[in-house]
Amino acid sequence: MEYVYILTSHDFPDHHYVGVTGDLKARLAKHNAREVPHTSKYAPWSLKTYVAFPDDSQAFAFEKYLKSGSGRAFAKKRL
C-alpha cells in the first residue's frame, strides 16, 4: 500500500504538507525529527488525513492533484 498524507504544523497551523509514502508512521517520525529539509522549519507536525492506494502510480497521481490549485481547494473543503 502507498499512502498520500496531509500534515499540519502545530506551531504554524496555516502550513500544510502533502506527501506519499509506503510507511506512514516512519515518515511522520522523520518529519517530526526534522530529517526532511523541506518540512524541518515547521515541525512538529500532526497527521491531518491520509488515503491508501493499492499501487504507487495512483498514489503519485493523487499527490500531484492535491498539490495543484484545485486539489488544495478540494483538500481544504473536504479533507
C-alpha atoms as a PDB file:
ATOM      1  CA  MET A   1       0.000   0.000   0.000  1.00  0.00           C
ATOM      2  CA  GLU A   2       1.032   3.558  -0.684  1.00  0.00           C
ATOM      3  CA  TYR A   3      -0.300   6.417   1.413  1.00  0.00           C
ATOM      4  CA  VAL A   4      -0.905  10.008   0.384  1.00  0.00           C
ATOM      5  CA  TYR A   5      -0.902  12.104   3.539  1.00  0.00           C
ATOM      6  CA  ILE A   6      -1.528  15.668   4.634  1.00  0.00           C
ATOM      7  CA  LEU A   7       0.326  17.108   7.611  1.00  0.00           C
ATOM      8  CA  THR A   8      -0.498  20.242   9.592  1.00  0.00           C
ATOM      9  CA  SER A   9       2.136  22.170  11.517  1.00  0.00           C
ATOM     10  CA  HIS A  10       1.446  22.547  15.252  1.00  0.00           C
ATOM     11  CA  ASP A  11       3.180  25.918  15.543  1.00  0.00           C
ATOM     12  CA  PHE A  12       2.079  27.262  12.150  1.00  0.00           C
ATOM     13  CA  PRO A  13      -1.466  25.879  11.602  1.00  0.00           C
ATOM     14  CA  ASP A  14      -1.754  27.506   8.169  1.00  0.00           C
ATOM     15  CA  HIS A  15       1.152  25.385   6.883  1.00  0.00           C
ATOM     16  CA  HIS A  16       0.321  22.013   5.386  1.00  0.00           C
ATOM     17  CA  TYR A  17       2.439  19.410   3.651  1.00  0.00           C
ATOM     18  CA  VAL A  18       1.322  16.742   1.179  1.00  0.00           C
ATOM     19  CA  GLY A  19       3.449  13.653   0.632  1.00  0.00           C
ATOM     20  CA  VAL A  20       3.390   9.988  -0.314  1.00  0.00           C
ATOM     21  CA  THR A  21       4.999   7.033   1.462  1.00  0.00           C
ATOM     22  CA  GLY A  22       4.779   3.305   1.993  1.00  0.00           C
ATOM     23  CA  ASP A  23       5.359   3.595   5.761  1.00  0.00           C
ATOM     24  CA  LEU A  24       3.253   6.380   7.208  1.00  0.00           C
ATOM     25  CA  LYS A  25       4.365   6.011  10.827  1.00  0.00           C
ATOM     26  CA  ALA A  26       8.078   6.109   9.971  1.00  0.00           C
ATOM     27  CA  ARG A  27       7.632   9.048   7.593  1.00  0.00           C
ATOM     28  CA  LEU A  28       5.783  11.122  10.187  1.00  0.00           C
ATOM     29  CA  ALA A  29       8.574  10.371  12.668  1.00  0.00           C
ATOM     30  CA  LYS A  30      11.151  11.649  10.142  1.00  0.00           C
ATOM     31  CA  HIS A  31       9.190  14.867   9.609  1.00  0.00           C
ATOM     32  CA  ASN A  32       8.976  15.449  13.367  1.00  0.00           C
ATOM     33  CA  ALA A  33      12.662  14.598  13.869  1.00  0.00           C
ATOM     34  CA  ARG A  34      13.436  17.389  11.347  1.00  0.00           C
ATOM     35  CA  GLU A  35      15.138  14.925   8.980  1.00  0.00           C
ATOM     36  CA  VAL A  36      13.155  16.209   5.977  1.00  0.00           C
ATOM     37  CA  PRO A  37      14.685  19.535   4.864  1.00  0.00           C
ATOM     38  CA  HIS A  38      11.502  20.886   3.287  1.00  0.00           C
ATOM     39  CA  THR A  39       9.433  20.485   6.467  1.00  0.00           C
ATOM     40  CA  SER A  40      12.019  20.888   9.218  1.00  0.00           C
ATOM     41  CA  LYS A  41      11.409  24.567   9.990  1.00  0.00           C
ATOM     42  CA  TYR A  42       7.673  23.990  10.583  1.00  0.00           C
ATOM     43  CA  ALA A  43       7.961  20.922  12.856  1.00  0.00           C
ATOM     44  CA  PRO A  44       6.318  19.457  14.834  1.00  0.00           C
ATOM     45  CA  TRP A  45       3.663  18.072  12.523  1.00  0.00           C
ATOM     46  CA  SER A  46       0.430  16.186  13.067  1.00  0.00           C
ATOM     47  CA  LEU A  47      -1.318  13.940  10.615  1.00  0.00           C
ATOM     48  CA  LYS A  48      -4.443  15.629   9.250  1.00  0.00           C
ATOM     49  CA  THR A  49      -5.562  12.817   6.945  1.00  0.00           C
ATOM     50  CA  TYR A  50      -4.307  10.051   4.702  1.00  0.00           C
ATOM     51  CA  VAL A  51      -5.619   7.957   1.811  1.00  0.00           C
ATOM     52  CA  ALA A  52      -4.350   4.459   0.991  1.00  0.00           C
ATOM     53  CA  PHE A  53      -3.809   3.299  -2.598  1.00  0.00           C
ATOM     54  CA  PRO A  54      -3.015  -0.224  -3.827  1.00  0.00           C
ATOM     55  CA  ASP A  55      -0.235   0.970  -6.154  1.00  0.00           C
ATOM     56  CA  ASP A  56       2.186   3.852  -6.331  1.00  0.00           C
ATOM     57  CA  SER A  57       1.020   5.257  -9.680  1.00  0.00           C
ATOM     58  CA  GLN A  58      -2.420   6.070  -8.243  1.00  0.00           C
ATOM     59  CA  ALA A  59      -0.848   7.493  -5.096  1.00  0.00           C
ATOM     60  CA  PHE A  60       1.531   9.762  -7.018  1.00  0.00           C
ATOM     61  CA  ALA A  61      -1.293  10.948  -9.280  1.00  0.00           C
ATOM     62  CA  PHE A  62      -3.424  11.867  -6.248  1.00  0.00           C
ATOM     63  CA  GLU A  63      -0.493  13.595  -4.557  1.00  0.00           C
ATOM     64  CA  LYS A  64       0.109  15.638  -7.709  1.00  0.00           C
ATOM     65  CA  TYR A  65      -3.586  16.575  -7.770  1.00  0.00           C
ATOM     66  CA  LEU A  66      -3.553  17.666  -4.109  1.00  0.00           C
ATOM     67  CA  LYS A  67      -0.594  19.934  -4.841  1.00  0.00           C
ATOM     68  CA  SER A  68      -2.500  21.684  -7.656  1.00  0.00           C
ATOM     69  CA  GLY A  69      -4.768  24.670  -7.090  1.00  0.00           C
ATOM     70  CA  SER A  70      -7.984  22.703  -7.426  1.00  0.00           C
ATOM     71  CA  GLY A  71      -6.541  19.896  -5.295  1.00  0.00           C
ATOM     72  CA  ARG A  72      -5.669  22.321  -2.490  1.00  0.00           C
ATOM     73  CA  ALA A  73      -9.226  23.701  -2.623  1.00  0.00           C
ATOM     74  CA  PHE A  74     -10.615  20.147  -2.531  1.00  0.00           C
ATOM     75  CA  ALA A  75      -8.454  19.218   0.456  1.00  0.00           C
ATOM     76  CA  LYS A  76      -9.375  22.386   2.347  1.00  0.00           C
ATOM     77  CA  LYS A  77     -13.088  21.796   1.815  1.00  0.00           C
ATOM     78  CA  ARG A  78     -13.342  18.001   2.001  1.00  0.00           C
ATOM     79  CA  LEU A  79     -10.383  16.568   3.927  1.00  0.00           C
END
